Each structure stands twice: as C-alpha cells, then as structure tokens.
PDB file of N, CA and C in Angstrom:
ATOM      1  N   MET A   1      32.603 -66.809  75.022  1.00  0.00           N
ATOM      2  CA  MET A   1      31.426 -67.670  75.012  1.00  0.00           C
ATOM      3  C   MET A   1      31.373 -68.436  73.698  1.00  0.00           C
ATOM      4  N   PRO A   2      30.767 -69.613  73.722  1.00  0.00           N
ATOM      5  CA  PRO A   2      30.676 -70.404  72.492  1.00  0.00           C
ATOM      6  C   PRO A   2      29.831 -69.700  71.434  1.00  0.00           C
ATOM      7  N   SER A   3      30.117 -70.005  70.174  1.00  0.00           N
ATOM      8  CA  SER A   3      29.396 -69.338  69.085  1.00  0.00           C
ATOM      9  C   SER A   3      27.950 -69.813  68.972  1.00  0.00           C
ATOM     10  N   TRP A   4      27.623 -70.959  69.543  1.00  0.00           N
ATOM     11  CA  TRP A   4      26.257 -71.473  69.464  1.00  0.00           C
ATOM     12  C   TRP A   4      25.342 -70.860  70.524  1.00  0.00           C
ATOM     13  N   PHE A   5      25.895 -70.158  71.486  1.00  0.00           N
ATOM     14  CA  PHE A   5      25.118 -69.628  72.608  1.00  0.00           C
ATOM     15  C   PHE A   5      24.012 -68.659  72.166  1.00  0.00           C
ATOM     16  N   PRO A   6      24.301 -67.637  71.330  1.00  0.00           N
ATOM     17  CA  PRO A   6      23.210 -66.727  70.945  1.00  0.00           C
ATOM     18  C   PRO A   6      22.130 -67.418  70.111  1.00  0.00           C
ATOM     19  N   TYR A   7      22.530 -68.396  69.294  1.00  0.00           N
ATOM     20  CA  TYR A   7      21.542 -69.110  68.490  1.00  0.00           C
ATOM     21  C   TYR A   7      20.632 -69.964  69.372  1.00  0.00           C
ATOM     22  N   MET A   8      21.208 -70.581  70.394  1.00  0.00           N
ATOM     23  CA  MET A   8      20.408 -71.354  71.331  1.00  0.00           C
ATOM     24  C   MET A   8      19.421 -70.435  72.071  1.00  0.00           C
ATOM     25  N   LEU A   9      19.906 -69.257  72.477  1.00  0.00           N
ATOM     26  CA  LEU A   9      19.025 -68.312  73.174  1.00  0.00           C
ATOM     27  C   LEU A   9      17.900 -67.825  72.268  1.00  0.00           C
ATOM     28  N   MET A  10      18.236 -67.541  71.010  1.00  0.00           N
ATOM     29  CA  MET A  10      17.199 -67.078  70.076  1.00  0.00           C
ATOM     30  C   MET A  10      16.148 -68.155  69.826  1.00  0.00           C
ATOM     31  N   MET A  11      16.594 -69.404  69.676  1.00  0.00           N
ATOM     32  CA  MET A  11      15.636 -70.491  69.461  1.00  0.00           C
ATOM     33  C   MET A  11      14.763 -70.712  70.700  1.00  0.00           C
ATOM     34  N   LEU A  12      15.387 -70.671  71.873  1.00  0.00           N
ATOM     35  CA  LEU A  12      14.623 -70.832  73.110  1.00  0.00           C
ATOM     36  C   LEU A  12      13.643 -69.674  73.298  1.00  0.00           C
ATOM     37  N   LEU A  13      14.073 -68.473  72.942  1.00  0.00           N
ATOM     38  CA  LEU A  13      13.200 -67.307  73.046  1.00  0.00           C
ATOM     39  C   LEU A  13      12.029 -67.421  72.071  1.00  0.00           C
ATOM     40  N   LEU A  14      12.284 -67.888  70.860  1.00  0.00           N
ATOM     41  CA  LEU A  14      11.221 -68.061  69.879  1.00  0.00           C
ATOM     42  C   LEU A  14      10.220 -69.118  70.335  1.00  0.00           C
ATOM     43  N   ILE A  15      10.724 -70.239  70.811  1.00  0.00           N
ATOM     44  CA  ILE A  15       9.843 -71.326  71.260  1.00  0.00           C
ATOM     45  C   ILE A  15       9.012 -70.893  72.465  1.00  0.00           C
ATOM     46  N   THR A  16       9.661 -70.260  73.448  1.00  0.00           N
ATOM     47  CA  THR A  16       8.908 -69.844  74.637  1.00  0.00           C
ATOM     48  C   THR A  16       7.913 -68.733  74.307  1.00  0.00           C
ATOM     49  N   SER A  17       8.218 -67.892  73.323  1.00  0.00           N
ATOM     50  CA  SER A  17       7.269 -66.851  72.925  1.00  0.00           C
ATOM     51  C   SER A  17       5.999 -67.460  72.347  1.00  0.00           C
ATOM     52  N   VAL A  18       6.158 -68.442  71.483  1.00  0.00           N
ATOM     53  CA  VAL A  18       4.996 -69.103  70.880  1.00  0.00           C
ATOM     54  C   VAL A  18       4.203 -69.866  71.936  1.00  0.00           C
ATOM     55  N   VAL A  19       4.900 -70.601  72.797  1.00  0.00           N
ATOM     56  CA  VAL A  19       4.219 -71.385  73.844  1.00  0.00           C
ATOM     57  C   VAL A  19       3.513 -70.459  74.834  1.00  0.00           C
ATOM     58  N   LEU A  20       4.173 -69.351  75.208  1.00  0.00           N
ATOM     59  CA  LEU A  20       3.561 -68.414  76.146  1.00  0.00           C
ATOM     60  C   LEU A  20       2.311 -67.776  75.555  1.00  0.00           C
ATOM     61  N   THR A  21       2.367 -67.436  74.276  1.00  0.00           N
ATOM     62  CA  THR A  21       1.183 -66.887  73.610  1.00  0.00           C
ATOM     63  C   THR A  21       0.043 -67.895  73.612  1.00  0.00           C
ATOM     64  N   ALA A  22       0.345 -69.142  73.308  1.00  0.00           N
ATOM     65  CA  ALA A  22      -0.693 -70.179  73.303  1.00  0.00           C
ATOM     66  C   ALA A  22      -1.267 -70.398  74.701  1.00  0.00           C
ATOM     67  N   LEU A  23      -0.404 -70.410  75.714  1.00  0.00           N
ATOM     68  CA  LEU A  23      -0.886 -70.624  77.077  1.00  0.00           C
ATOM     69  C   LEU A  23      -1.766 -69.479  77.550  1.00  0.00           C
ATOM     70  N   VAL A  24      -1.403 -68.253  77.208  1.00  0.00           N
ATOM     71  CA  VAL A  24      -2.227 -67.105  77.604  1.00  0.00           C
ATOM     72  C   VAL A  24      -3.580 -67.164  76.904  1.00  0.00           C
ATOM     73  N   LEU A  25      -3.584 -67.572  75.643  1.00  0.00           N
ATOM     74  CA  LEU A  25      -4.856 -67.665  74.924  1.00  0.00           C
ATOM     75  C   LEU A  25      -5.735 -68.805  75.428  1.00  0.00           C
ATOM     76  N   LEU A  26      -5.144 -69.814  76.060  1.00  0.00           N
ATOM     77  CA  LEU A  26      -5.923 -70.925  76.603  1.00  0.00           C
ATOM     78  C   LEU A  26      -6.635 -70.577  77.906  1.00  0.00           C
ATOM     79  N   HIS A  27      -6.224 -69.505  78.554  1.00  0.00           N
ATOM     80  CA  HIS A  27      -6.851 -69.119  79.818  1.00  0.00           C
ATOM     81  C   HIS A  27      -8.298 -68.708  79.598  1.00  0.00           C
ATOM     82  N   LYS A  28      -9.104 -69.053  80.594  1.00  0.00           N
ATOM     83  CA  LYS A  28     -10.510 -68.688  80.561  1.00  0.00           C
ATOM     84  C   LYS A  28     -10.643 -67.216  80.917  1.00  0.00           C
ATOM     85  N   GLY A  29     -11.503 -66.499  80.199  1.00  0.00           N
ATOM     86  CA  GLY A  29     -11.736 -65.098  80.489  1.00  0.00           C
ATOM     87  C   GLY A  29     -12.385 -64.915  81.847  1.00  0.00           C
ATOM     88  N   LYS A  30     -11.948 -63.927  82.604  1.00  0.00           N
ATOM     89  CA  LYS A  30     -12.495 -63.684  83.939  1.00  0.00           C
ATOM     90  C   LYS A  30     -13.686 -62.729  83.904  1.00  0.00           C
ATOM     91  N   GLY A  31     -13.951 -62.123  82.766  1.00  0.00           N
ATOM     92  CA  GLY A  31     -15.064 -61.196  82.651  1.00  0.00           C
ATOM     93  C   GLY A  31     -14.670 -59.802  83.083  1.00  0.00           C
ATOM     94  N   GLY A  32     -15.339 -58.818  82.522  1.00  0.00           N
ATOM     95  CA  GLY A  32     -15.061 -57.435  82.879  1.00  0.00           C
ATOM     96  C   GLY A  32     -13.907 -56.835  82.106  1.00  0.00           C
ATOM     97  N   GLY A  33     -13.257 -57.604  81.265  1.00  0.00           N
ATOM     98  CA  GLY A  33     -12.133 -57.102  80.486  1.00  0.00           C
ATOM     99  C   GLY A  33     -12.524 -56.954  79.028  1.00  0.00           C
ATOM    100  N   LEU A  34     -11.537 -57.010  78.170  1.00  0.00           N
ATOM    101  CA  LEU A  34     -11.796 -56.880  76.746  1.00  0.00           C
ATOM    102  C   LEU A  34     -12.600 -58.055  76.206  1.00  0.00           C
ATOM    103  N   SER A  35     -12.448 -59.219  76.806  1.00  0.00           N
ATOM    104  CA  SER A  35     -13.184 -60.387  76.311  1.00  0.00           C
ATOM    105  C   SER A  35     -14.689 -60.207  76.493  1.00  0.00           C
ATOM    106  N   SER A  36     -15.109 -59.523  77.540  1.00  0.00           N
ATOM    107  CA  SER A  36     -16.544 -59.320  77.742  1.00  0.00           C
ATOM    108  C   SER A  36     -17.106 -58.267  76.802  1.00  0.00           C
ATOM    109  N   MET A  37     -16.264 -57.378  76.290  1.00  0.00           N
ATOM    110  CA  MET A  37     -16.729 -56.368  75.333  1.00  0.00           C
ATOM    111  C   MET A  37     -17.136 -57.013  74.019  1.00  0.00           C
ATOM    112  N   PHE A  38     -16.494 -58.107  73.656  1.00  0.00           N
ATOM    113  CA  PHE A  38     -16.738 -58.734  72.370  1.00  0.00           C
ATOM    114  C   PHE A  38     -17.567 -60.000  72.483  1.00  0.00           C
ATOM    115  N   GLY A  39     -18.400 -60.093  73.489  1.00  0.00           N
ATOM    116  CA  GLY A  39     -19.326 -61.212  73.611  1.00  0.00           C
ATOM    117  C   GLY A  39     -18.828 -62.358  74.452  1.00  0.00           C
ATOM    118  N   GLY A  40     -17.707 -62.225  75.116  1.00  0.00           N
ATOM    119  CA  GLY A  40     -17.191 -63.313  75.931  1.00  0.00           C
ATOM    120  C   GLY A  40     -17.567 -63.189  77.385  1.00  0.00           C
ATOM    121  N   GLY A  41     -18.488 -62.296  77.707  1.00  0.00           N
ATOM    122  CA  GLY A  41     -18.818 -62.035  79.100  1.00  0.00           C
ATOM    123  C   GLY A  41     -19.803 -62.995  79.713  1.00  0.00           C
ATOM    124  N   VAL A  42     -20.395 -63.879  78.915  1.00  0.00           N
ATOM    125  CA  VAL A  42     -21.385 -64.813  79.431  1.00  0.00           C
ATOM    126  C   VAL A  42     -20.651 -66.073  79.882  1.00  0.00           C
ATOM    127  N   THR A  43     -20.373 -66.150  81.153  1.00  0.00           N
ATOM    128  CA  THR A  43     -19.691 -67.320  81.705  1.00  0.00           C
ATOM    129  C   THR A  43     -20.426 -67.760  82.952  1.00  0.00           C
ATOM    130  N   SER A  44     -20.300 -69.026  83.254  1.00  0.00           N
ATOM    131  CA  SER A  44     -20.909 -69.526  84.485  1.00  0.00           C
ATOM    132  C   SER A  44     -19.898 -69.386  85.611  1.00  0.00           C
ATOM    133  N   ASN A  45     -20.366 -69.001  86.765  1.00  0.00           N
ATOM    134  CA  ASN A  45     -19.487 -68.838  87.918  1.00  0.00           C
ATOM    135  C   ASN A  45     -19.451 -70.133  88.707  1.00  0.00           C
ATOM    136  N   LEU A  46     -18.348 -70.838  88.593  1.00  0.00           N
ATOM    137  CA  LEU A  46     -18.161 -72.067  89.357  1.00  0.00           C
ATOM    138  C   LEU A  46     -17.325 -71.736  90.576  1.00  0.00           C
ATOM    139  N   SER A  47     -17.570 -72.435  91.645  1.00  0.00           N
ATOM    140  CA  SER A  47     -16.797 -72.159  92.857  1.00  0.00           C
ATOM    141  C   SER A  47     -15.410 -72.760  92.721  1.00  0.00           C
ATOM    142  N   GLY A  48     -14.393 -71.938  92.879  1.00  0.00           N
ATOM    143  CA  GLY A  48     -13.016 -72.405  92.783  1.00  0.00           C
ATOM    144  C   GLY A  48     -12.595 -72.635  91.347  1.00  0.00           C
ATOM    145  N   SER A  49     -11.368 -73.055  91.200  1.00  0.00           N
ATOM    146  CA  SER A  49     -10.882 -73.361  89.861  1.00  0.00           C
ATOM    147  C   SER A  49     -10.449 -74.818  89.813  1.00  0.00           C
ATOM    148  N   SER A  50     -10.507 -75.373  88.642  1.00  0.00           N
ATOM    149  CA  SER A  50     -10.198 -76.791  88.499  1.00  0.00           C
ATOM    150  C   SER A  50      -8.691 -77.027  88.532  1.00  0.00           C
ATOM    151  N   VAL A  51      -8.321 -78.273  88.600  1.00  0.00           N
ATOM    152  CA  VAL A  51      -6.907 -78.653  88.616  1.00  0.00           C
ATOM    153  C   VAL A  51      -6.256 -78.274  87.292  1.00  0.00           C
ATOM    154  N   ALA A  52      -7.000 -78.415  86.202  1.00  0.00           N
ATOM    155  CA  ALA A  52      -6.457 -78.067  84.889  1.00  0.00           C
ATOM    156  C   ALA A  52      -6.130 -76.578  84.812  1.00  0.00           C
ATOM    157  N   GLU A  53      -6.983 -75.740  85.375  1.00  0.00           N
ATOM    158  CA  GLU A  53      -6.731 -74.296  85.358  1.00  0.00           C
ATOM    159  C   GLU A  53      -5.533 -73.935  86.229  1.00  0.00           C
ATOM    160  N   LYS A  54      -5.409 -74.599  87.366  1.00  0.00           N
ATOM    161  CA  LYS A  54      -4.259 -74.334  88.233  1.00  0.00           C
ATOM    162  C   LYS A  54      -2.964 -74.764  87.560  1.00  0.00           C
ATOM    163  N   ASN A  55      -2.984 -75.922  86.888  1.00  0.00           N
ATOM    164  CA  ASN A  55      -1.801 -76.371  86.164  1.00  0.00           C
ATOM    165  C   ASN A  55      -1.485 -75.440  85.003  1.00  0.00           C
ATOM    166  N   LEU A  56      -2.513 -74.953  84.321  1.00  0.00           N
ATOM    167  CA  LEU A  56      -2.304 -74.003  83.236  1.00  0.00           C
ATOM    168  C   LEU A  56      -1.659 -72.721  83.756  1.00  0.00           C
ATOM    169  N   ASP A  57      -2.092 -72.271  84.928  1.00  0.00           N
ATOM    170  CA  ASP A  57      -1.473 -71.092  85.550  1.00  0.00           C
ATOM    171  C   ASP A  57      -0.003 -71.355  85.873  1.00  0.00           C
ATOM    172  N   ARG A  58       0.281 -72.521  86.418  1.00  0.00           N
ATOM    173  CA  ARG A  58       1.668 -72.865  86.763  1.00  0.00           C
ATOM    174  C   ARG A  58       2.551 -72.923  85.523  1.00  0.00           C
ATOM    175  N   TYR A  59       2.055 -73.565  84.467  1.00  0.00           N
ATOM    176  CA  TYR A  59       2.829 -73.661  83.233  1.00  0.00           C
ATOM    177  C   TYR A  59       3.059 -72.288  82.615  1.00  0.00           C
ATOM    178  N   THR A  60       2.048 -71.435  82.691  1.00  0.00           N
ATOM    179  CA  THR A  60       2.192 -70.094  82.135  1.00  0.00           C
ATOM    180  C   THR A  60       3.252 -69.304  82.891  1.00  0.00           C
ATOM    181  N   VAL A  61       3.253 -69.388  84.203  1.00  0.00           N
ATOM    182  CA  VAL A  61       4.257 -68.685  84.999  1.00  0.00           C
ATOM    183  C   VAL A  61       5.646 -69.259  84.727  1.00  0.00           C
ATOM    184  N   LEU A  62       5.761 -70.582  84.648  1.00  0.00           N
ATOM    185  CA  LEU A  62       7.056 -71.213  84.387  1.00  0.00           C
ATOM    186  C   LEU A  62       7.617 -70.805  83.029  1.00  0.00           C
ATOM    187  N   VAL A  63       6.797 -70.845  81.995  1.00  0.00           N
ATOM    188  CA  VAL A  63       7.258 -70.453  80.665  1.00  0.00           C
ATOM    189  C   VAL A  63       7.569 -68.963  80.632  1.00  0.00           C
ATOM    190  N   GLY A  64       6.800 -68.166  81.365  1.00  0.00           N
ATOM    191  CA  GLY A  64       7.082 -66.729  81.444  1.00  0.00           C
ATOM    192  C   GLY A  64       8.422 -66.441  82.103  1.00  0.00           C
ATOM    193  N   ILE A  65       8.751 -67.189  83.126  1.00  0.00           N
ATOM    194  CA  ILE A  65      10.045 -67.012  83.802  1.00  0.00           C
ATOM    195  C   ILE A  65      11.185 -67.408  82.870  1.00  0.00           C
ATOM    196  N   ILE A  66      11.019 -68.525  82.137  1.00  0.00           N
ATOM    197  CA  ILE A  66      12.046 -68.943  81.189  1.00  0.00           C
ATOM    198  C   ILE A  66      12.200 -67.904  80.081  1.00  0.00           C
ATOM    199  N   TRP A  67      11.093 -67.373  79.577  1.00  0.00           N
ATOM    200  CA  TRP A  67      11.113 -66.328  78.543  1.00  0.00           C
ATOM    201  C   TRP A  67      11.855 -65.090  79.036  1.00  0.00           C
ATOM    202  N   PHE A  68      11.554 -64.668  80.257  1.00  0.00           N
ATOM    203  CA  PHE A  68      12.200 -63.495  80.842  1.00  0.00           C
ATOM    204  C   PHE A  68      13.696 -63.737  81.031  1.00  0.00           C
ATOM    205  N   ALA A  69      14.067 -64.929  81.500  1.00  0.00           N
ATOM    206  CA  ALA A  69      15.475 -65.258  81.693  1.00  0.00           C
ATOM    207  C   ALA A  69      16.226 -65.256  80.360  1.00  0.00           C
ATOM    208  N   CYS A  70      15.582 -65.721  79.301  1.00  0.00           N
ATOM    209  CA  CYS A  70      16.217 -65.697  77.974  1.00  0.00           C
ATOM    210  C   CYS A  70      16.485 -64.272  77.525  1.00  0.00           C
ATOM    211  N   ILE A  71      15.552 -63.381  77.762  1.00  0.00           N
ATOM    212  CA  ILE A  71      15.740 -61.981  77.373  1.00  0.00           C
ATOM    213  C   ILE A  71      16.884 -61.357  78.164  1.00  0.00           C
ATOM    214  N   ILE A  72      16.942 -61.613  79.460  1.00  0.00           N
ATOM    215  CA  ILE A  72      18.025 -61.079  80.291  1.00  0.00           C
ATOM    216  C   ILE A  72      19.366 -61.646  79.840  1.00  0.00           C
ATOM    217  N   ALA A  73      19.432 -62.960  79.604  1.00  0.00           N
ATOM    218  CA  ALA A  73      20.686 -63.592  79.182  1.00  0.00           C
ATOM    219  C   ALA A  73      21.133 -63.066  77.824  1.00  0.00           C
ATOM    220  N   PHE A  74      20.200 -62.864  76.907  1.00  0.00           N
ATOM    221  CA  PHE A  74      20.555 -62.348  75.589  1.00  0.00           C
ATOM    222  C   PHE A  74      21.064 -60.909  75.689  1.00  0.00           C
ATOM    223  N   GLY A  75      20.442 -60.109  76.538  1.00  0.00           N
ATOM    224  CA  GLY A  75      20.906 -58.739  76.753  1.00  0.00           C
ATOM    225  C   GLY A  75      22.292 -58.690  77.366  1.00  0.00           C
ATOM    226  N   LEU A  76      22.549 -59.563  78.326  1.00  0.00           N
ATOM    227  CA  LEU A  76      23.888 -59.630  78.927  1.00  0.00           C
ATOM    228  C   LEU A  76      24.920 -60.101  77.921  1.00  0.00           C
ATOM    229  N   TRP A  77      24.549 -61.070  77.089  1.00  0.00           N
ATOM    230  CA  TRP A  77      25.465 -61.542  76.056  1.00  0.00           C
ATOM    231  C   TRP A  77      25.803 -60.419  75.080  1.00  0.00           C
ATOM    232  N   LEU A  78      24.799 -59.645  74.668  1.00  0.00           N
ATOM    233  CA  LEU A  78      25.042 -58.518  73.770  1.00  0.00           C
ATOM    234  C   LEU A  78      25.965 -57.485  74.417  1.00  0.00           C
ATOM    235  N   ARG A  79      25.739 -57.245  75.680  1.00  0.00           N
ATOM    236  CA  ARG A  79      26.567 -56.252  76.368  1.00  0.00           C
ATOM    237  C   ARG A  79      28.027 -56.710  76.438  1.00  0.00           C
ATOM    238  N   VAL A  80      28.251 -57.985  76.686  1.00  0.00           N
ATOM    239  CA  VAL A  80      29.609 -58.523  76.715  1.00  0.00           C
ATOM    240  C   VAL A  80      30.240 -58.445  75.331  1.00  0.00           C
ATOM    241  N   GLN A  81      29.469 -58.785  74.288  1.00  0.00           N
ATOM    242  CA  GLN A  81      29.995 -58.777  72.931  1.00  0.00           C
ATOM    243  C   GLN A  81      30.343 -57.373  72.459  1.00  0.00           C
ATOM    244  N   LEU A  82      29.581 -56.385  72.914  1.00  0.00           N
ATOM    245  CA  LEU A  82      29.837 -55.007  72.505  1.00  0.00           C
ATOM    246  C   LEU A  82      30.855 -54.314  73.410  1.00  0.00           C
ATOM    247  N   GLY A  83      31.363 -55.027  74.372  1.00  0.00           N
ATOM    248  CA  GLY A  83      32.395 -54.482  75.245  1.00  0.00           C
ATOM    249  C   GLY A  83      31.869 -53.568  76.339  1.00  0.00           C
ATOM    250  N   GLY A  84      30.655 -53.819  76.804  1.00  0.00           N
ATOM    251  CA  GLY A  84      30.059 -52.976  77.834  1.00  0.00           C
ATOM    252  C   GLY A  84      30.568 -53.264  79.229  1.00  0.00           C
ATOM    253  N   PHE A  85      31.139 -54.443  79.442  1.00  0.00           N
ATOM    254  CA  PHE A  85      31.616 -54.797  80.785  1.00  0.00           C
ATOM    255  C   PHE A  85      33.062 -54.465  80.950  1.00  0.00           C
TER     256      PHE A  85
END
C-alpha cells in the first residue's frame, strides 16, 4: 500500500470526528435524557420535524458511516502491516 494511505486515513478520521461531534451537538434535545436534568427539558412540542432537522439527521448518519469506515480501514491496514493476514 502507498505510504500516504495511513496519513490520509488519520486525517479523514480526525476531520470526521470533529464534524460528527459538532453535528451531534447541533441536534435538538428530545427531553427525558441528560439534557433535561440540567435545565434543557423545557421545549415546545411541534408536530413533526423540520427539513433542517431531517437534513441534520442525514448528515450525521453519513458522517458517522464515513467515520466508522475509516476506523475499519485503519484497523485492516494495521493488520496487514503487522502481518496478520
């Protein structure tokens, strides 16, 4: 494998980790969890969710899948480098 491959994976993993953390923090609290314990439980109940919330959910899942794939690829690369295959 090329020598730049692990560095690319590490950079992609770092970027997706930061983006995934930001996307999770952007989600609105649903109530009844830890957010309601610390004063975040006062929310208005609107019927359905907005387009922005649905897109935020989609982006979060997409970035999560990319993050997970990076971890799997990095683990496989390590296994090949250490002679596990």
